[in-house]
Amino acid sequence: TYPASLSAVWMTEQLRKDLQFKGIIVTDDMQMNAITEQYGLDEAVKLAVNAGADLLVFGNQLVRTPQDPQEIIDIIYNAIKEKQISEKQI
């Protein structure tokens, strides 16, 4: 249903459980078209974190407007306050 960077099936079920991966999970570029054409920033960040991502990559800075890190922090902080992301996940 989702690109791998937003998918709990891939990150949590496949990587963590099936493959027993214990390292850091890094997303693909959160500004790639597969994400930006289907999801808003707010939704994409929440999906990635809830899917199990430990590090979100914003690397398409030459093509798109550079992403303000504070905006991402605010999205995550507000999602925790609204119980859309668990503190345990962070």
PDB file of N, CA and C in Angstrom:
ATOM      1  N   THR A   1       0.821  -1.197   0.000  1.00  0.00           N
ATOM      2  CA  THR A   1       0.000   0.000   0.000  1.00  0.00           C
ATOM      3  C   THR A   1       0.862   1.256   0.000  1.00  0.00           C
ATOM      4  N   TYR A   2       1.939   1.257   0.768  1.00  0.00           N
ATOM      5  CA  TYR A   2       2.799   2.438   0.919  1.00  0.00           C
ATOM      6  C   TYR A   2       4.182   2.174   0.325  1.00  0.00           C
ATOM      7  N   PRO A   3       4.887   3.267  -0.053  1.00  0.00           N
ATOM      8  CA  PRO A   3       6.308   3.100  -0.393  1.00  0.00           C
ATOM      9  C   PRO A   3       7.032   2.525   0.833  1.00  0.00           C
ATOM     10  N   ALA A   4       8.104   1.803   0.637  1.00  0.00           N
ATOM     11  CA  ALA A   4       8.801   1.126   1.740  1.00  0.00           C
ATOM     12  C   ALA A   4       9.148   2.069   2.880  1.00  0.00           C
ATOM     13  N   SER A   5       9.499   3.317   2.585  1.00  0.00           N
ATOM     14  CA  SER A   5       9.875   4.272   3.637  1.00  0.00           C
ATOM     15  C   SER A   5       8.711   4.653   4.550  1.00  0.00           C
ATOM     16  N   LEU A   6       7.488   4.340   4.132  1.00  0.00           N
ATOM     17  CA  LEU A   6       6.300   4.657   4.936  1.00  0.00           C
ATOM     18  C   LEU A   6       5.576   3.397   5.404  1.00  0.00           C
ATOM     19  N   SER A   7       6.149   2.254   5.124  1.00  0.00           N
ATOM     20  CA  SER A   7       5.449   0.986   5.317  1.00  0.00           C
ATOM     21  C   SER A   7       5.901   0.235   6.565  1.00  0.00           C
ATOM     22  N   ALA A   8       4.977   0.056   7.498  1.00  0.00           N
ATOM     23  CA  ALA A   8       5.258  -0.752   8.686  1.00  0.00           C
ATOM     24  C   ALA A   8       5.486  -2.212   8.308  1.00  0.00           C
ATOM     25  N   VAL A   9       4.851  -2.659   7.246  1.00  0.00           N
ATOM     26  CA  VAL A   9       5.048  -4.041   6.793  1.00  0.00           C
ATOM     27  C   VAL A   9       6.519  -4.259   6.452  1.00  0.00           C
ATOM     28  N   TRP A  10       7.101  -3.327   5.703  1.00  0.00           N
ATOM     29  CA  TRP A  10       8.508  -3.488   5.310  1.00  0.00           C
ATOM     30  C   TRP A  10       9.463  -3.214   6.457  1.00  0.00           C
ATOM     31  N   MET A  11       9.248  -2.115   7.164  1.00  0.00           N
ATOM     32  CA  MET A  11      10.222  -1.735   8.190  1.00  0.00           C
ATOM     33  C   MET A  11      10.118  -2.569   9.463  1.00  0.00           C
ATOM     34  N   THR A  12       8.919  -2.774   9.936  1.00  0.00           N
ATOM     35  CA  THR A  12       8.751  -3.477  11.205  1.00  0.00           C
ATOM     36  C   THR A  12       8.620  -4.984  11.009  1.00  0.00           C
ATOM     37  N   GLU A  13       7.726  -5.389  10.139  1.00  0.00           N
ATOM     38  CA  GLU A  13       7.509  -6.822   9.950  1.00  0.00           C
ATOM     39  C   GLU A  13       8.697  -7.495   9.257  1.00  0.00           C
ATOM     40  N   GLN A  14       9.095  -6.965   8.108  1.00  0.00           N
ATOM     41  CA  GLN A  14      10.165  -7.596   7.335  1.00  0.00           C
ATOM     42  C   GLN A  14      11.544  -7.394   7.962  1.00  0.00           C
ATOM     43  N   LEU A  15      11.936  -6.128   8.137  1.00  0.00           N
ATOM     44  CA  LEU A  15      13.286  -5.851   8.639  1.00  0.00           C
ATOM     45  C   LEU A  15      13.490  -6.257  10.095  1.00  0.00           C
ATOM     46  N   ARG A  16      12.638  -5.745  10.967  1.00  0.00           N
ATOM     47  CA  ARG A  16      12.837  -5.980  12.405  1.00  0.00           C
ATOM     48  C   ARG A  16      12.496  -7.410  12.824  1.00  0.00           C
ATOM     49  N   LYS A  17      11.341  -7.894  12.403  1.00  0.00           N
ATOM     50  CA  LYS A  17      10.887  -9.202  12.885  1.00  0.00           C
ATOM     51  C   LYS A  17      11.454 -10.349  12.052  1.00  0.00           C
ATOM     52  N   ASP A  18      11.167 -10.356  10.742  1.00  0.00           N
ATOM     53  CA  ASP A  18      11.577 -11.489   9.909  1.00  0.00           C
ATOM     54  C   ASP A  18      13.089 -11.588   9.744  1.00  0.00           C
ATOM     55  N   LEU A  19      13.747 -10.455   9.475  1.00  0.00           N
ATOM     56  CA  LEU A  19      15.199 -10.470   9.256  1.00  0.00           C
ATOM     57  C   LEU A  19      15.990 -10.195  10.527  1.00  0.00           C
ATOM     58  N   GLN A  20      15.279  -9.870  11.610  1.00  0.00           N
ATOM     59  CA  GLN A  20      15.888  -9.584  12.908  1.00  0.00           C
ATOM     60  C   GLN A  20      16.957  -8.485  12.824  1.00  0.00           C
ATOM     61  N   PHE A  21      16.686  -7.485  12.017  1.00  0.00           N
ATOM     62  CA  PHE A  21      17.595  -6.345  11.863  1.00  0.00           C
ATOM     63  C   PHE A  21      17.546  -5.489  13.118  1.00  0.00           C
ATOM     64  N   LYS A  22      18.691  -5.208  13.693  1.00  0.00           N
ATOM     65  CA  LYS A  22      18.771  -4.460  14.945  1.00  0.00           C
ATOM     66  C   LYS A  22      19.350  -3.057  14.755  1.00  0.00           C
ATOM     67  N   GLY A  23      19.733  -2.728  13.538  1.00  0.00           N
ATOM     68  CA  GLY A  23      20.375  -1.439  13.278  1.00  0.00           C
ATOM     69  C   GLY A  23      19.378  -0.307  13.101  1.00  0.00           C
ATOM     70  N   ILE A  24      19.892   0.805  12.646  1.00  0.00           N
ATOM     71  CA  ILE A  24      19.090   2.003  12.404  1.00  0.00           C
ATOM     72  C   ILE A  24      18.413   1.875  11.047  1.00  0.00           C
ATOM     73  N   ILE A  25      17.127   2.159  11.010  1.00  0.00           N
ATOM     74  CA  ILE A  25      16.389   2.148   9.747  1.00  0.00           C
ATOM     75  C   ILE A  25      16.330   3.578   9.224  1.00  0.00           C
ATOM     76  N   VAL A  26      16.837   3.754   8.008  1.00  0.00           N
ATOM     77  CA  VAL A  26      16.899   5.062   7.357  1.00  0.00           C
ATOM     78  C   VAL A  26      15.934   5.054   6.179  1.00  0.00           C
ATOM     79  N   THR A  27      15.130   6.099   6.063  1.00  0.00           N
ATOM     80  CA  THR A  27      14.197   6.178   4.937  1.00  0.00           C
ATOM     81  C   THR A  27      14.936   6.503   3.643  1.00  0.00           C
ATOM     82  N   ASP A  28      14.249   6.305   2.564  1.00  0.00           N
ATOM     83  CA  ASP A  28      14.675   6.855   1.283  1.00  0.00           C
ATOM     84  C   ASP A  28      14.383   8.355   1.370  1.00  0.00           C
ATOM     85  N   ASP A  29      14.680   9.098   0.347  1.00  0.00           N
ATOM     86  CA  ASP A  29      14.438  10.542   0.345  1.00  0.00           C
ATOM     87  C   ASP A  29      12.947  10.826   0.524  1.00  0.00           C
ATOM     88  N   MET A  30      12.615  11.514   1.584  1.00  0.00           N
ATOM     89  CA  MET A  30      11.215  11.849   1.864  1.00  0.00           C
ATOM     90  C   MET A  30      10.653  12.852   0.865  1.00  0.00           C
ATOM     91  N   GLN A  31      11.516  13.406   0.006  1.00  0.00           N
ATOM     92  CA  GLN A  31      11.059  14.336  -1.022  1.00  0.00           C
ATOM     93  C   GLN A  31      10.983  13.678  -2.401  1.00  0.00           C
ATOM     94  N   MET A  32      11.115  12.341  -2.450  1.00  0.00           N
ATOM     95  CA  MET A  32      10.998  11.673  -3.744  1.00  0.00           C
ATOM     96  C   MET A  32       9.537  11.701  -4.192  1.00  0.00           C
ATOM     97  N   ASN A  33       9.348  11.647  -5.494  1.00  0.00           N
ATOM     98  CA  ASN A  33       8.004  11.781  -6.060  1.00  0.00           C
ATOM     99  C   ASN A  33       7.021  10.732  -5.546  1.00  0.00           C
ATOM    100  N   ALA A  34       7.482   9.514  -5.294  1.00  0.00           N
ATOM    101  CA  ALA A  34       6.582   8.463  -4.798  1.00  0.00           C
ATOM    102  C   ALA A  34       5.928   8.857  -3.478  1.00  0.00           C
ATOM    103  N   ILE A  35       6.567   9.744  -2.743  1.00  0.00           N
ATOM    104  CA  ILE A  35       6.002  10.224  -1.480  1.00  0.00           C
ATOM    105  C   ILE A  35       5.303  11.560  -1.674  1.00  0.00           C
ATOM    106  N   THR A  36       5.986  12.536  -2.257  1.00  0.00           N
ATOM    107  CA  THR A  36       5.419  13.892  -2.337  1.00  0.00           C
ATOM    108  C   THR A  36       4.177  13.978  -3.220  1.00  0.00           C
ATOM    109  N   GLU A  37       4.066  13.105  -4.209  1.00  0.00           N
ATOM    110  CA  GLU A  37       2.887  13.156  -5.085  1.00  0.00           C
ATOM    111  C   GLU A  37       1.655  12.516  -4.455  1.00  0.00           C
ATOM    112  N   GLN A  38       1.842  11.721  -3.403  1.00  0.00           N
ATOM    113  CA  GLN A  38       0.729  11.016  -2.779  1.00  0.00           C
ATOM    114  C   GLN A  38       0.392  11.484  -1.370  1.00  0.00           C
ATOM    115  N   TYR A  39       1.395  12.055  -0.672  1.00  0.00           N
ATOM    116  CA  TYR A  39       1.217  12.374   0.744  1.00  0.00           C
ATOM    117  C   TYR A  39       1.733  13.778   1.041  1.00  0.00           C
ATOM    118  N   GLY A  40       1.065  14.447   1.938  1.00  0.00           N
ATOM    119  CA  GLY A  40       1.574  15.715   2.428  1.00  0.00           C
ATOM    120  C   GLY A  40       2.725  15.455   3.387  1.00  0.00           C
ATOM    121  N   LEU A  41       3.486  16.478   3.690  1.00  0.00           N
ATOM    122  CA  LEU A  41       4.636  16.344   4.582  1.00  0.00           C
ATOM    123  C   LEU A  41       4.215  15.800   5.944  1.00  0.00           C
ATOM    124  N   ASP A  42       3.176  16.364   6.507  1.00  0.00           N
ATOM    125  CA  ASP A  42       2.695  15.957   7.826  1.00  0.00           C
ATOM    126  C   ASP A  42       2.373  14.463   7.855  1.00  0.00           C
ATOM    127  N   GLU A  43       1.602  14.016   6.904  1.00  0.00           N
ATOM    128  CA  GLU A  43       1.203  12.609   6.849  1.00  0.00           C
ATOM    129  C   GLU A  43       2.402  11.704   6.598  1.00  0.00           C
ATOM    130  N   ALA A  44       3.286  12.099   5.688  1.00  0.00           N
ATOM    131  CA  ALA A  44       4.450  11.278   5.359  1.00  0.00           C
ATOM    132  C   ALA A  44       5.380  11.105   6.559  1.00  0.00           C
ATOM    133  N   VAL A  45       5.609  12.184   7.302  1.00  0.00           N
ATOM    134  CA  VAL A  45       6.472  12.099   8.484  1.00  0.00           C
ATOM    135  C   VAL A  45       5.860  11.162   9.521  1.00  0.00           C
ATOM    136  N   LYS A  46       4.581  11.310   9.783  1.00  0.00           N
ATOM    137  CA  LYS A  46       3.915  10.447  10.762  1.00  0.00           C
ATOM    138  C   LYS A  46       3.944   8.986  10.320  1.00  0.00           C
ATOM    139  N   LEU A  47       3.680   8.731   9.053  1.00  0.00           N
ATOM    140  CA  LEU A  47       3.702   7.362   8.549  1.00  0.00           C
ATOM    141  C   LEU A  47       5.097   6.754   8.678  1.00  0.00           C
ATOM    142  N   ALA A  48       6.122   7.503   8.323  1.00  0.00           N
ATOM    143  CA  ALA A  48       7.494   6.996   8.383  1.00  0.00           C
ATOM    144  C   ALA A  48       7.902   6.667   9.811  1.00  0.00           C
ATOM    145  N   VAL A  49       7.620   7.568  10.726  1.00  0.00           N
ATOM    146  CA  VAL A  49       7.981   7.331  12.127  1.00  0.00           C
ATOM    147  C   VAL A  49       7.197   6.152  12.677  1.00  0.00           C
ATOM    148  N   ASN A  50       5.906   6.113  12.425  1.00  0.00           N
ATOM    149  CA  ASN A  50       5.082   5.012  12.930  1.00  0.00           C
ATOM    150  C   ASN A  50       5.422   3.679  12.266  1.00  0.00           C
ATOM    151  N   ALA A  51       5.955   3.733  11.058  1.00  0.00           N
ATOM    152  CA  ALA A  51       6.359   2.505  10.373  1.00  0.00           C
ATOM    153  C   ALA A  51       7.627   1.918  10.970  1.00  0.00           C
ATOM    154  N   GLY A  52       8.394   2.763  11.680  1.00  0.00           N
ATOM    155  CA  GLY A  52       9.607   2.266  12.320  1.00  0.00           C
ATOM    156  C   GLY A  52      10.887   2.946  11.889  1.00  0.00           C
ATOM    157  N   ALA A  53      10.779   4.003  11.086  1.00  0.00           N
ATOM    158  CA  ALA A  53      11.987   4.715  10.649  1.00  0.00           C
ATOM    159  C   ALA A  53      12.663   5.394  11.834  1.00  0.00           C
ATOM    160  N   ASP A  54      13.976   5.283  11.884  1.00  0.00           N
ATOM    161  CA  ASP A  54      14.765   5.940  12.925  1.00  0.00           C
ATOM    162  C   ASP A  54      15.354   7.255  12.430  1.00  0.00           C
ATOM    163  N   LEU A  55      15.561   7.359  11.137  1.00  0.00           N
ATOM    164  CA  LEU A  55      16.184   8.541  10.550  1.00  0.00           C
ATOM    165  C   LEU A  55      15.468   8.869   9.243  1.00  0.00           C
ATOM    166  N   LEU A  56      14.975  10.096   9.116  1.00  0.00           N
ATOM    167  CA  LEU A  56      14.285  10.534   7.907  1.00  0.00           C
ATOM    168  C   LEU A  56      15.256  11.333   7.051  1.00  0.00           C
ATOM    169  N   VAL A  57      15.324  11.002   5.768  1.00  0.00           N
ATOM    170  CA  VAL A  57      16.241  11.674   4.851  1.00  0.00           C
ATOM    171  C   VAL A  57      15.472  12.678   3.994  1.00  0.00           C
ATOM    172  N   PHE A  58      15.981  13.896   3.939  1.00  0.00           N
ATOM    173  CA  PHE A  58      15.455  14.938   3.054  1.00  0.00           C
ATOM    174  C   PHE A  58      16.615  15.388   2.189  1.00  0.00           C
ATOM    175  N   GLY A  59      16.780  14.738   1.032  1.00  0.00           N
ATOM    176  CA  GLY A  59      17.975  14.971   0.231  1.00  0.00           C
ATOM    177  C   GLY A  59      17.749  15.606  -1.119  1.00  0.00           C
ATOM    178  N   ASN A  60      16.523  15.844  -1.494  1.00  0.00           N
ATOM    179  CA  ASN A  60      16.232  16.365  -2.824  1.00  0.00           C
ATOM    180  C   ASN A  60      16.250  17.893  -2.818  1.00  0.00           C
ATOM    181  N   GLN A  61      17.200  18.454  -2.105  1.00  0.00           N
ATOM    182  CA  GLN A  61      17.220  19.889  -1.835  1.00  0.00           C
ATOM    183  C   GLN A  61      17.491  20.760  -3.066  1.00  0.00           C
ATOM    184  N   LEU A  62      18.139  20.232  -4.092  1.00  0.00           N
ATOM    185  CA  LEU A  62      18.431  21.031  -5.276  1.00  0.00           C
ATOM    186  C   LEU A  62      17.211  21.173  -6.179  1.00  0.00           C
ATOM    187  N   VAL A  63      16.331  20.207  -6.133  1.00  0.00           N
ATOM    188  CA  VAL A  63      15.146  20.214  -6.992  1.00  0.00           C
ATOM    189  C   VAL A  63      13.970  20.890  -6.298  1.00  0.00           C
ATOM    190  N   ARG A  64      13.853  20.680  -5.015  1.00  0.00           N
ATOM    191  CA  ARG A  64      12.735  21.208  -4.235  1.00  0.00           C
ATOM    192  C   ARG A  64      13.236  22.252  -3.250  1.00  0.00           C
ATOM    193  N   THR A  65      12.297  22.904  -2.610  1.00  0.00           N
ATOM    194  CA  THR A  65      12.646  23.869  -1.573  1.00  0.00           C
ATOM    195  C   THR A  65      13.298  23.127  -0.420  1.00  0.00           C
ATOM    196  N   PRO A  66      14.441  23.609   0.077  1.00  0.00           N
ATOM    197  CA  PRO A  66      15.068  22.941   1.222  1.00  0.00           C
ATOM    198  C   PRO A  66      14.097  22.817   2.392  1.00  0.00           C
ATOM    199  N   GLN A  67      14.129  21.654   3.022  1.00  0.00           N
ATOM    200  CA  GLN A  67      13.230  21.377   4.133  1.00  0.00           C
ATOM    201  C   GLN A  67      13.776  21.975   5.418  1.00  0.00           C
ATOM    202  N   ASP A  68      12.944  22.721   6.114  1.00  0.00           N
ATOM    203  CA  ASP A  68      13.305  23.299   7.405  1.00  0.00           C
ATOM    204  C   ASP A  68      13.210  22.205   8.464  1.00  0.00           C
ATOM    205  N   PRO A  69      14.323  21.841   9.099  1.00  0.00           N
ATOM    206  CA  PRO A  69      14.281  20.776  10.117  1.00  0.00           C
ATOM    207  C   PRO A  69      13.311  21.071  11.257  1.00  0.00           C
ATOM    208  N   GLN A  70      13.139  22.334  11.609  1.00  0.00           N
ATOM    209  CA  GLN A  70      12.232  22.676  12.703  1.00  0.00           C
ATOM    210  C   GLN A  70      10.803  22.274  12.378  1.00  0.00           C
ATOM    211  N   GLU A  71      10.434  22.343  11.113  1.00  0.00           N
ATOM    212  CA  GLU A  71       9.085  21.938  10.709  1.00  0.00           C
ATOM    213  C   GLU A  71       8.870  20.441  10.981  1.00  0.00           C
ATOM    214  N   ILE A  72       9.880  19.636  10.717  1.00  0.00           N
ATOM    215  CA  ILE A  72       9.788  18.194  10.965  1.00  0.00           C
ATOM    216  C   ILE A  72       9.699  17.933  12.467  1.00  0.00           C
ATOM    217  N   ILE A  73      10.529  18.628  13.219  1.00  0.00           N
ATOM    218  CA  ILE A  73      10.502  18.492  14.680  1.00  0.00           C
ATOM    219  C   ILE A  73       9.117  18.847  15.211  1.00  0.00           C
ATOM    220  N   ASP A  74       8.554  19.926  14.716  1.00  0.00           N
ATOM    221  CA  ASP A  74       7.222  20.359  15.154  1.00  0.00           C
ATOM    222  C   ASP A  74       6.148  19.331  14.802  1.00  0.00           C
ATOM    223  N   ILE A  75       6.235  18.756  13.613  1.00  0.00           N
ATOM    224  CA  ILE A  75       5.264  17.741  13.202  1.00  0.00           C
ATOM    225  C   ILE A  75       5.324  16.554  14.162  1.00  0.00           C
ATOM    226  N   ILE A  76       6.530  16.089  14.453  1.00  0.00           N
ATOM    227  CA  ILE A  76       6.692  14.944  15.345  1.00  0.00           C
ATOM    228  C   ILE A  76       6.244  15.291  16.760  1.00  0.00           C
ATOM    229  N   TYR A  77       6.654  16.456  17.245  1.00  0.00           N
ATOM    230  CA  TYR A  77       6.285  16.883  18.598  1.00  0.00           C
ATOM    231  C   TYR A  77       4.764  16.959  18.744  1.00  0.00           C
ATOM    232  N   ASN A  78       4.101  17.602  17.777  1.00  0.00           N
ATOM    233  CA  ASN A  78       2.642  17.729  17.835  1.00  0.00           C
ATOM    234  C   ASN A  78       1.949  16.376  17.707  1.00  0.00           C
ATOM    235  N   ALA A  79       2.501  15.501  16.878  1.00  0.00           N
ATOM    236  CA  ALA A  79       1.914  14.166  16.721  1.00  0.00           C
ATOM    237  C   ALA A  79       2.022  13.364  18.014  1.00  0.00           C
ATOM    238  N   ILE A  80       3.100  13.559  18.750  1.00  0.00           N
ATOM    239  CA  ILE A  80       3.240  12.894  20.048  1.00  0.00           C
ATOM    240  C   ILE A  80       2.202  13.452  21.019  1.00  0.00           C
ATOM    241  N   LYS A  81       2.064  14.771  21.055  1.00  0.00           N
ATOM    242  CA  LYS A  81       1.078  15.394  21.942  1.00  0.00           C
ATOM    243  C   LYS A  81      -0.331  14.919  21.623  1.00  0.00           C
ATOM    244  N   GLU A  82      -0.619  14.728  20.339  1.00  0.00           N
ATOM    245  CA  GLU A  82      -1.949  14.310  19.903  1.00  0.00           C
ATOM    246  C   GLU A  82      -2.093  12.780  19.884  1.00  0.00           C
ATOM    247  N   LYS A  83      -1.056  12.081  20.367  1.00  0.00           N
ATOM    248  CA  LYS A  83      -1.057  10.627  20.458  1.00  0.00           C
ATOM    249  C   LYS A  83      -1.176   9.945  19.091  1.00  0.00           C
ATOM    250  N   GLN A  84      -0.643  10.609  18.062  1.00  0.00           N
ATOM    251  CA  GLN A  84      -0.589  10.002  16.730  1.00  0.00           C
ATOM    252  C   GLN A  84       0.731   9.267  16.526  1.00  0.00           C
ATOM    253  N   ILE A  85       1.718   9.578  17.353  1.00  0.00           N
ATOM    254  CA  ILE A  85       3.003   8.874  17.416  1.00  0.00           C
ATOM    255  C   ILE A  85       3.251   8.612  18.891  1.00  0.00           C
ATOM    256  N   SER A  86       3.661   7.395  19.219  1.00  0.00           N
ATOM    257  CA  SER A  86       3.924   7.099  20.627  1.00  0.00           C
ATOM    258  C   SER A  86       5.315   7.587  21.027  1.00  0.00           C
ATOM    259  N   GLU A  87       5.441   7.993  22.275  1.00  0.00           N
ATOM    260  CA  GLU A  87       6.753   8.411  22.792  1.00  0.00           C
ATOM    261  C   GLU A  87       7.730   7.250  22.716  1.00  0.00           C
ATOM    262  N   LYS A  88       7.248   6.048  22.908  1.00  0.00           N
ATOM    263  CA  LYS A  88       8.106   4.861  22.849  1.00  0.00           C
ATOM    264  C   LYS A  88       8.755   4.740  21.466  1.00  0.00           C
ATOM    265  N   GLN A  89       8.007   5.068  20.428  1.00  0.00           N
ATOM    266  CA  GLN A  89       8.542   4.993  19.067  1.00  0.00           C
ATOM    267  C   GLN A  89       9.718   5.950  18.890  1.00  0.00           C
ATOM    268  N   ILE A  90       9.615   7.108  19.523  1.00  0.00           N
ATOM    269  CA  ILE A  90      10.693   8.101  19.431  1.00  0.00           C
ATOM    270  C   ILE A  90      11.857   7.649  20.284  1.00  0.00           C
TER     271      ILE A  90
END
